[in-house]
Amino acid sequence: MKPFPLSPRETHGDDDTRTGRLLDAADVAFEREQTTPLGEHFEAVVMEGLLTDRSVPVYPPAGHTFPRRD
Protein backbone atom coordinates (compact mmCIF):
# COMPACT_ATOMS: atom_id res chain seq x y z
CA MET A 1 0.00 0.00 0.00
CA LYS A 2 1.26 3.43 -0.89
CA PRO A 3 0.24 6.61 0.94
CA PHE A 4 -1.66 9.25 -0.98
CA PRO A 5 0.77 11.18 -3.19
CA LEU A 6 1.78 14.70 -2.23
CA SER A 7 0.32 17.49 -4.29
CA PRO A 8 2.73 18.99 -6.82
CA ARG A 9 3.01 22.11 -4.62
CA GLU A 10 3.70 20.21 -1.38
CA THR A 11 7.16 19.02 -0.41
CA HIS A 12 8.06 16.24 2.00
CA GLY A 13 9.25 18.99 4.35
CA ASP A 14 5.78 20.57 4.22
CA ASP A 15 4.25 17.18 4.98
CA ASP A 16 6.64 16.58 7.89
CA THR A 17 5.90 20.02 9.33
CA ARG A 18 2.14 19.46 9.12
CA THR A 19 2.48 16.01 10.69
CA GLY A 20 4.51 17.48 13.56
CA ARG A 21 1.86 20.13 14.21
CA LEU A 22 -0.87 17.49 14.16
CA LEU A 23 0.96 15.26 16.65
CA ASP A 24 1.73 18.25 18.92
CA ALA A 25 -1.96 19.21 18.89
CA ALA A 26 -2.94 15.64 19.78
CA ASP A 27 -0.52 15.72 22.73
CA VAL A 28 -2.16 18.91 24.00
CA ALA A 29 -5.67 17.56 23.42
CA PHE A 30 -4.98 14.41 25.44
CA GLU A 31 -2.80 15.93 28.20
CA ARG A 32 -5.50 15.31 30.78
CA GLU A 33 -6.15 11.73 31.79
CA GLN A 34 -9.33 10.30 30.29
CA THR A 35 -11.91 9.63 33.01
CA THR A 36 -14.30 7.28 31.24
CA PRO A 37 -13.89 4.10 29.22
CA LEU A 38 -15.40 5.90 26.23
CA GLY A 39 -12.82 8.70 26.53
CA GLU A 40 -10.01 6.16 26.74
CA HIS A 41 -11.32 4.31 23.69
CA PHE A 42 -11.70 7.56 21.73
CA GLU A 43 -8.13 8.58 22.55
CA ALA A 44 -6.84 5.15 21.51
CA VAL A 45 -8.67 5.33 18.16
CA VAL A 46 -7.42 8.86 17.44
CA MET A 47 -3.83 8.01 18.33
CA GLU A 48 -3.96 4.81 16.25
CA GLY A 49 -5.08 6.89 13.28
CA LEU A 50 -2.35 9.47 13.82
CA LEU A 51 0.46 7.00 14.26
CA THR A 52 -0.34 4.42 11.59
CA ASP A 53 1.90 4.39 8.55
CA ARG A 54 -0.57 2.57 6.34
CA SER A 55 -2.95 4.17 3.91
CA VAL A 56 -6.43 2.90 3.19
CA PRO A 57 -6.21 0.81 0.02
CA VAL A 58 -9.66 1.86 -1.20
CA TYR A 59 -11.07 5.34 -0.75
CA PRO A 60 -13.63 5.69 0.63
CA PRO A 61 -13.50 2.74 3.03
CA ALA A 62 -16.41 0.30 2.88
CA GLY A 63 -19.53 1.72 4.48
CA HIS A 64 -18.66 5.39 3.92
CA THR A 65 -20.43 7.51 1.34
CA PHE A 66 -18.20 10.59 1.12
CA PRO A 67 -16.86 11.53 -2.34
CA ARG A 68 -14.24 9.34 -3.99
CA ARG A 69 -10.78 10.62 -4.79
CA ASP A 70 -9.85 10.00 -8.39
PDB file of N, CA and C in Angstrom:
ATOM      1  N   MET A   1       0.832  -1.182   0.000  1.00  0.00           N
ATOM      2  CA  MET A   1       0.000   0.000   0.000  1.00  0.00           C
ATOM      3  C   MET A   1       0.871   1.237   0.000  1.00  0.00           C
ATOM      4  N   LYS A   2       0.529   2.178  -0.834  1.00  0.00           N
ATOM      5  CA  LYS A   2       1.261   3.432  -0.894  1.00  0.00           C
ATOM      6  C   LYS A   2       0.408   4.534  -0.288  1.00  0.00           C
ATOM      7  N   PRO A   3       1.014   5.469   0.434  1.00  0.00           N
ATOM      8  CA  PRO A   3       0.242   6.614   0.940  1.00  0.00           C
ATOM      9  C   PRO A   3      -0.213   7.480  -0.219  1.00  0.00           C
ATOM     10  N   PHE A   4      -1.205   8.326   0.054  1.00  0.00           N
ATOM     11  CA  PHE A   4      -1.659   9.246  -0.979  1.00  0.00           C
ATOM     12  C   PHE A   4      -0.483  10.108  -1.414  1.00  0.00           C
ATOM     13  N   PRO A   5      -0.352  10.363  -2.719  1.00  0.00           N
ATOM     14  CA  PRO A   5       0.773  11.177  -3.192  1.00  0.00           C
ATOM     15  C   PRO A   5       0.640  12.625  -2.730  1.00  0.00           C
ATOM     16  N   LEU A   6       1.774  13.280  -2.561  1.00  0.00           N
ATOM     17  CA  LEU A   6       1.778  14.696  -2.228  1.00  0.00           C
ATOM     18  C   LEU A   6       1.302  15.491  -3.428  1.00  0.00           C
ATOM     19  N   SER A   7       0.702  16.637  -3.170  1.00  0.00           N
ATOM     20  CA  SER A   7       0.316  17.495  -4.285  1.00  0.00           C
ATOM     21  C   SER A   7       1.596  18.037  -4.919  1.00  0.00           C
ATOM     22  N   PRO A   8       1.520  18.470  -6.172  1.00  0.00           N
ATOM     23  CA  PRO A   8       2.726  18.993  -6.823  1.00  0.00           C
ATOM     24  C   PRO A   8       3.324  20.199  -6.094  1.00  0.00           C
ATOM     25  N   ARG A   9       2.519  20.911  -5.321  1.00  0.00           N
ATOM     26  CA  ARG A   9       3.011  22.106  -4.619  1.00  0.00           C
ATOM     27  C   ARG A   9       3.535  21.781  -3.223  1.00  0.00           C
ATOM     28  N   GLU A  10       3.310  20.561  -2.743  1.00  0.00           N
ATOM     29  CA  GLU A  10       3.698  20.214  -1.380  1.00  0.00           C
ATOM     30  C   GLU A  10       4.986  19.395  -1.394  1.00  0.00           C
ATOM     31  N   THR A  11       5.907  19.764  -0.523  1.00  0.00           N
ATOM     32  CA  THR A  11       7.162  19.019  -0.410  1.00  0.00           C
ATOM     33  C   THR A  11       7.071  18.058   0.766  1.00  0.00           C
ATOM     34  N   HIS A  12       8.016  17.142   0.847  1.00  0.00           N
ATOM     35  CA  HIS A  12       8.059  16.239   1.999  1.00  0.00           C
ATOM     36  C   HIS A  12       8.299  17.030   3.284  1.00  0.00           C
ATOM     37  N   GLY A  13       9.043  18.126   3.187  1.00  0.00           N
ATOM     38  CA  GLY A  13       9.252  18.994   4.354  1.00  0.00           C
ATOM     39  C   GLY A  13       7.944  19.602   4.823  1.00  0.00           C
ATOM     40  N   ASP A  14       7.101  20.040   3.872  1.00  0.00           N
ATOM     41  CA  ASP A  14       5.778  20.572   4.225  1.00  0.00           C
ATOM     42  C   ASP A  14       4.952  19.502   4.936  1.00  0.00           C
ATOM     43  N   ASP A  15       4.993  18.284   4.393  1.00  0.00           N
ATOM     44  CA  ASP A  15       4.247  17.176   4.981  1.00  0.00           C
ATOM     45  C   ASP A  15       4.751  16.869   6.391  1.00  0.00           C
ATOM     46  N   ASP A  16       6.067  16.841   6.564  1.00  0.00           N
ATOM     47  CA  ASP A  16       6.645  16.577   7.891  1.00  0.00           C
ATOM     48  C   ASP A  16       6.262  17.660   8.893  1.00  0.00           C
ATOM     49  N   THR A  17       6.271  18.912   8.451  1.00  0.00           N
ATOM     50  CA  THR A  17       5.899  20.024   9.328  1.00  0.00           C
ATOM     51  C   THR A  17       4.443  19.901   9.760  1.00  0.00           C
ATOM     52  N   ARG A  18       3.567  19.618   8.803  1.00  0.00           N
ATOM     53  CA  ARG A  18       2.139  19.464   9.121  1.00  0.00           C
ATOM     54  C   ARG A  18       1.914  18.284  10.064  1.00  0.00           C
ATOM     55  N   THR A  19       2.610  17.183   9.818  1.00  0.00           N
ATOM     56  CA  THR A  19       2.481  16.013  10.687  1.00  0.00           C
ATOM     57  C   THR A  19       2.934  16.341  12.102  1.00  0.00           C
ATOM     58  N   GLY A  20       4.021  17.069  12.230  1.00  0.00           N
ATOM     59  CA  GLY A  20       4.507  17.476  13.556  1.00  0.00           C
ATOM     60  C   GLY A  20       3.496  18.332  14.295  1.00  0.00           C
ATOM     61  N   ARG A  21       2.887  19.281  13.582  1.00  0.00           N
ATOM     62  CA  ARG A  21       1.864  20.132  14.213  1.00  0.00           C
ATOM     63  C   ARG A  21       0.665  19.303  14.651  1.00  0.00           C
ATOM     64  N   LEU A  22       0.263  18.339  13.828  1.00  0.00           N
ATOM     65  CA  LEU A  22      -0.866  17.487  14.162  1.00  0.00           C
ATOM     66  C   LEU A  22      -0.577  16.648  15.404  1.00  0.00           C
ATOM     67  N   LEU A  23       0.608  16.069  15.483  1.00  0.00           N
ATOM     68  CA  LEU A  23       0.964  15.261  16.654  1.00  0.00           C
ATOM     69  C   LEU A  23       1.095  16.119  17.912  1.00  0.00           C
ATOM     70  N   ASP A  24       1.645  17.332  17.771  1.00  0.00           N
ATOM     71  CA  ASP A  24       1.728  18.247  18.915  1.00  0.00           C
ATOM     72  C   ASP A  24       0.332  18.615  19.423  1.00  0.00           C
ATOM     73  N   ALA A  25      -0.590  18.871  18.499  1.00  0.00           N
ATOM     74  CA  ALA A  25      -1.960  19.214  18.887  1.00  0.00           C
ATOM     75  C   ALA A  25      -2.637  18.035  19.583  1.00  0.00           C
ATOM     76  N   ALA A  26      -2.371  16.825  19.129  1.00  0.00           N
ATOM     77  CA  ALA A  26      -2.936  15.640  19.775  1.00  0.00           C
ATOM     78  C   ALA A  26      -2.389  15.497  21.194  1.00  0.00           C
ATOM     79  N   ASP A  27      -1.101  15.773  21.378  1.00  0.00           N
ATOM     80  CA  ASP A  27      -0.519  15.717  22.727  1.00  0.00           C
ATOM     81  C   ASP A  27      -1.231  16.689  23.663  1.00  0.00           C
ATOM     82  N   VAL A  28      -1.471  17.900  23.185  1.00  0.00           N
ATOM     83  CA  VAL A  28      -2.156  18.907  24.002  1.00  0.00           C
ATOM     84  C   VAL A  28      -3.588  18.464  24.284  1.00  0.00           C
ATOM     85  N   ALA A  29      -4.270  17.955  23.262  1.00  0.00           N
ATOM     86  CA  ALA A  29      -5.671  17.558  23.419  1.00  0.00           C
ATOM     87  C   ALA A  29      -5.839  16.440  24.448  1.00  0.00           C
ATOM     88  N   PHE A  30      -4.859  15.557  24.534  1.00  0.00           N
ATOM     89  CA  PHE A  30      -4.981  14.413  25.436  1.00  0.00           C
ATOM     90  C   PHE A  30      -4.056  14.518  26.651  1.00  0.00           C
ATOM     91  N   GLU A  31      -3.652  15.746  27.026  1.00  0.00           N
ATOM     92  CA  GLU A  31      -2.803  15.931  28.205  1.00  0.00           C
ATOM     93  C   GLU A  31      -3.488  15.421  29.467  1.00  0.00           C
ATOM     94  N   ARG A  32      -4.763  15.751  29.585  1.00  0.00           N
ATOM     95  CA  ARG A  32      -5.501  15.314  30.775  1.00  0.00           C
ATOM     96  C   ARG A  32      -5.876  13.852  30.650  1.00  0.00           C
ATOM     97  N   GLU A  33      -5.808  13.147  31.753  1.00  0.00           N
ATOM     98  CA  GLU A  33      -6.151  11.729  31.792  1.00  0.00           C
ATOM     99  C   GLU A  33      -7.633  11.545  31.470  1.00  0.00           C
ATOM    100  N   GLN A  34      -7.933  10.593  30.616  1.00  0.00           N
ATOM    101  CA  GLN A  34      -9.332  10.301  30.294  1.00  0.00           C
ATOM    102  C   GLN A  34      -9.999   9.685  31.519  1.00  0.00           C
ATOM    103  N   THR A  35     -11.240  10.072  31.780  1.00  0.00           N
ATOM    104  CA  THR A  35     -11.906   9.634  33.015  1.00  0.00           C
ATOM    105  C   THR A  35     -13.001   8.610  32.777  1.00  0.00           C
ATOM    106  N   THR A  36     -13.268   8.275  31.536  1.00  0.00           N
ATOM    107  CA  THR A  36     -14.301   7.281  31.242  1.00  0.00           C
ATOM    108  C   THR A  36     -13.748   6.271  30.246  1.00  0.00           C
ATOM    109  N   PRO A  37     -14.327   5.079  30.216  1.00  0.00           N
ATOM    110  CA  PRO A  37     -13.892   4.097  29.222  1.00  0.00           C
ATOM    111  C   PRO A  37     -14.091   4.614  27.787  1.00  0.00           C
ATOM    112  N   LEU A  38     -15.166   5.362  27.556  1.00  0.00           N
ATOM    113  CA  LEU A  38     -15.400   5.904  26.225  1.00  0.00           C
ATOM    114  C   LEU A  38     -14.291   6.896  25.847  1.00  0.00           C
ATOM    115  N   GLY A  39     -13.901   7.742  26.784  1.00  0.00           N
ATOM    116  CA  GLY A  39     -12.821   8.695  26.534  1.00  0.00           C
ATOM    117  C   GLY A  39     -11.512   7.990  26.231  1.00  0.00           C
ATOM    118  N   GLU A  40     -11.238   6.928  26.970  1.00  0.00           N
ATOM    119  CA  GLU A  40     -10.011   6.158  26.740  1.00  0.00           C
ATOM    120  C   GLU A  40     -10.035   5.503  25.359  1.00  0.00           C
ATOM    121  N   HIS A  41     -11.195   4.960  24.997  1.00  0.00           N
ATOM    122  CA  HIS A  41     -11.323   4.311  23.690  1.00  0.00           C
ATOM    123  C   HIS A  41     -11.168   5.342  22.567  1.00  0.00           C
ATOM    124  N   PHE A  42     -11.798   6.503  22.729  1.00  0.00           N
ATOM    125  CA  PHE A  42     -11.697   7.564  21.728  1.00  0.00           C
ATOM    126  C   PHE A  42     -10.241   7.982  21.538  1.00  0.00           C
ATOM    127  N   GLU A  43      -9.539   8.200  22.637  1.00  0.00           N
ATOM    128  CA  GLU A  43      -8.125   8.585  22.550  1.00  0.00           C
ATOM    129  C   GLU A  43      -7.323   7.506  21.830  1.00  0.00           C
ATOM    130  N   ALA A  44      -7.574   6.247  22.147  1.00  0.00           N
ATOM    131  CA  ALA A  44      -6.839   5.149  21.507  1.00  0.00           C
ATOM    132  C   ALA A  44      -7.088   5.120  20.002  1.00  0.00           C
ATOM    133  N   VAL A  45      -8.338   5.342  19.588  1.00  0.00           N
ATOM    134  CA  VAL A  45      -8.673   5.332  18.161  1.00  0.00           C
ATOM    135  C   VAL A  45      -7.991   6.498  17.449  1.00  0.00           C
ATOM    136  N   VAL A  46      -8.045   7.686  18.053  1.00  0.00           N
ATOM    137  CA  VAL A  46      -7.419   8.859  17.440  1.00  0.00           C
ATOM    138  C   VAL A  46      -5.915   8.649  17.312  1.00  0.00           C
ATOM    139  N   MET A  47      -5.276   8.187  18.370  1.00  0.00           N
ATOM    140  CA  MET A  47      -3.826   8.006  18.327  1.00  0.00           C
ATOM    141  C   MET A  47      -3.435   6.915  17.328  1.00  0.00           C
ATOM    142  N   GLU A  48      -4.225   5.862  17.240  1.00  0.00           N
ATOM    143  CA  GLU A  48      -3.961   4.810  16.246  1.00  0.00           C
ATOM    144  C   GLU A  48      -3.990   5.407  14.838  1.00  0.00           C
ATOM    145  N   GLY A  49      -4.979   6.250  14.585  1.00  0.00           N
ATOM    146  CA  GLY A  49      -5.081   6.892  13.281  1.00  0.00           C
ATOM    147  C   GLY A  49      -3.931   7.827  12.998  1.00  0.00           C
ATOM    148  N   LEU A  50      -3.458   8.528  14.013  1.00  0.00           N
ATOM    149  CA  LEU A  50      -2.354   9.467  13.820  1.00  0.00           C
ATOM    150  C   LEU A  50      -1.026   8.760  13.619  1.00  0.00           C
ATOM    151  N   LEU A  51      -0.852   7.627  14.249  1.00  0.00           N
ATOM    152  CA  LEU A  51       0.458   6.998  14.261  1.00  0.00           C
ATOM    153  C   LEU A  51       0.622   5.879  13.243  1.00  0.00           C
ATOM    154  N   THR A  52      -0.450   5.499  12.570  1.00  0.00           N
ATOM    155  CA  THR A  52      -0.335   4.423  11.590  1.00  0.00           C
ATOM    156  C   THR A  52       0.430   4.908  10.364  1.00  0.00           C
ATOM    157  N   ASP A  53       1.172   4.015   9.759  1.00  0.00           N
ATOM    158  CA  ASP A  53       1.903   4.392   8.550  1.00  0.00           C
ATOM    159  C   ASP A  53       1.308   3.713   7.319  1.00  0.00           C
ATOM    160  N   ARG A  54       0.091   3.215   7.469  1.00  0.00           N
ATOM    161  CA  ARG A  54      -0.573   2.566   6.345  1.00  0.00           C
ATOM    162  C   ARG A  54      -1.677   3.461   5.802  1.00  0.00           C
ATOM    163  N   SER A  55      -1.837   3.442   4.511  1.00  0.00           N
ATOM    164  CA  SER A  55      -2.952   4.170   3.907  1.00  0.00           C
ATOM    165  C   SER A  55      -4.101   3.192   3.673  1.00  0.00           C
ATOM    166  N   VAL A  56      -5.266   3.724   3.485  1.00  0.00           N
ATOM    167  CA  VAL A  56      -6.429   2.905   3.192  1.00  0.00           C
ATOM    168  C   VAL A  56      -6.345   2.518   1.722  1.00  0.00           C
ATOM    169  N   PRO A  57      -6.394   1.224   1.400  1.00  0.00           N
ATOM    170  CA  PRO A  57      -6.208   0.814   0.016  1.00  0.00           C
ATOM    171  C   PRO A  57      -7.329   1.278  -0.917  1.00  0.00           C
ATOM    172  N   VAL A  58      -8.530   1.413  -0.396  1.00  0.00           N
ATOM    173  CA  VAL A  58      -9.664   1.859  -1.201  1.00  0.00           C
ATOM    174  C   VAL A  58     -10.267   3.070  -0.526  1.00  0.00           C
ATOM    175  N   TYR A  59     -10.479   4.126  -1.309  1.00  0.00           N
ATOM    176  CA  TYR A  59     -11.071   5.341  -0.754  1.00  0.00           C
ATOM    177  C   TYR A  59     -12.375   5.580  -1.468  1.00  0.00           C
ATOM    178  N   PRO A  60     -13.465   5.726  -0.817  1.00  0.00           N
ATOM    179  CA  PRO A  60     -13.633   5.688   0.631  1.00  0.00           C
ATOM    180  C   PRO A  60     -13.683   4.257   1.152  1.00  0.00           C
ATOM    181  N   PRO A  61     -13.410   4.072   2.451  1.00  0.00           N
ATOM    182  CA  PRO A  61     -13.505   2.738   3.034  1.00  0.00           C
ATOM    183  C   PRO A  61     -14.934   2.212   2.932  1.00  0.00           C
ATOM    184  N   ALA A  62     -15.087   0.917   2.951  1.00  0.00           N
ATOM    185  CA  ALA A  62     -16.412   0.297   2.876  1.00  0.00           C
ATOM    186  C   ALA A  62     -17.327   0.869   3.944  1.00  0.00           C
ATOM    187  N   GLY A  63     -18.548   1.195   3.543  1.00  0.00           N
ATOM    188  CA  GLY A  63     -19.525   1.724   4.483  1.00  0.00           C
ATOM    189  C   GLY A  63     -19.599   3.232   4.543  1.00  0.00           C
ATOM    190  N   HIS A  64     -18.646   3.921   3.922  1.00  0.00           N
ATOM    191  CA  HIS A  64     -18.659   5.389   3.924  1.00  0.00           C
ATOM    192  C   HIS A  64     -19.138   5.883   2.560  1.00  0.00           C
ATOM    193  N   THR A  65     -19.841   7.012   2.583  1.00  0.00           N
ATOM    194  CA  THR A  65     -20.426   7.508   1.343  1.00  0.00           C
ATOM    195  C   THR A  65     -19.850   8.853   0.914  1.00  0.00           C
ATOM    196  N   PHE A  66     -18.760   9.307   1.521  1.00  0.00           N
ATOM    197  CA  PHE A  66     -18.196  10.590   1.117  1.00  0.00           C
ATOM    198  C   PHE A  66     -17.570  10.473  -0.269  1.00  0.00           C
ATOM    199  N   PRO A  67     -17.323  11.569  -0.945  1.00  0.00           N
ATOM    200  CA  PRO A  67     -16.861  11.529  -2.343  1.00  0.00           C
ATOM    201  C   PRO A  67     -15.569  10.736  -2.525  1.00  0.00           C
ATOM    202  N   ARG A  68     -15.463  10.101  -3.658  1.00  0.00           N
ATOM    203  CA  ARG A  68     -14.236   9.337  -3.994  1.00  0.00           C
ATOM    204  C   ARG A  68     -13.158  10.272  -4.487  1.00  0.00           C
ATOM    205  N   ARG A  69     -11.917   9.927  -4.206  1.00  0.00           N
ATOM    206  CA  ARG A  69     -10.778  10.624  -4.789  1.00  0.00           C
ATOM    207  C   ARG A  69     -10.433   9.909  -6.072  1.00  0.00           C
ATOM    208  N   ASP A  70     -10.210  10.628  -7.105  1.00  0.00           N
ATOM    209  CA  ASP A  70      -9.849   9.999  -8.389  1.00  0.00           C
ATOM    210  C   ASP A  70      -8.383  10.160  -8.674  1.00  0.00           C
TER     211      ASP A  70
END
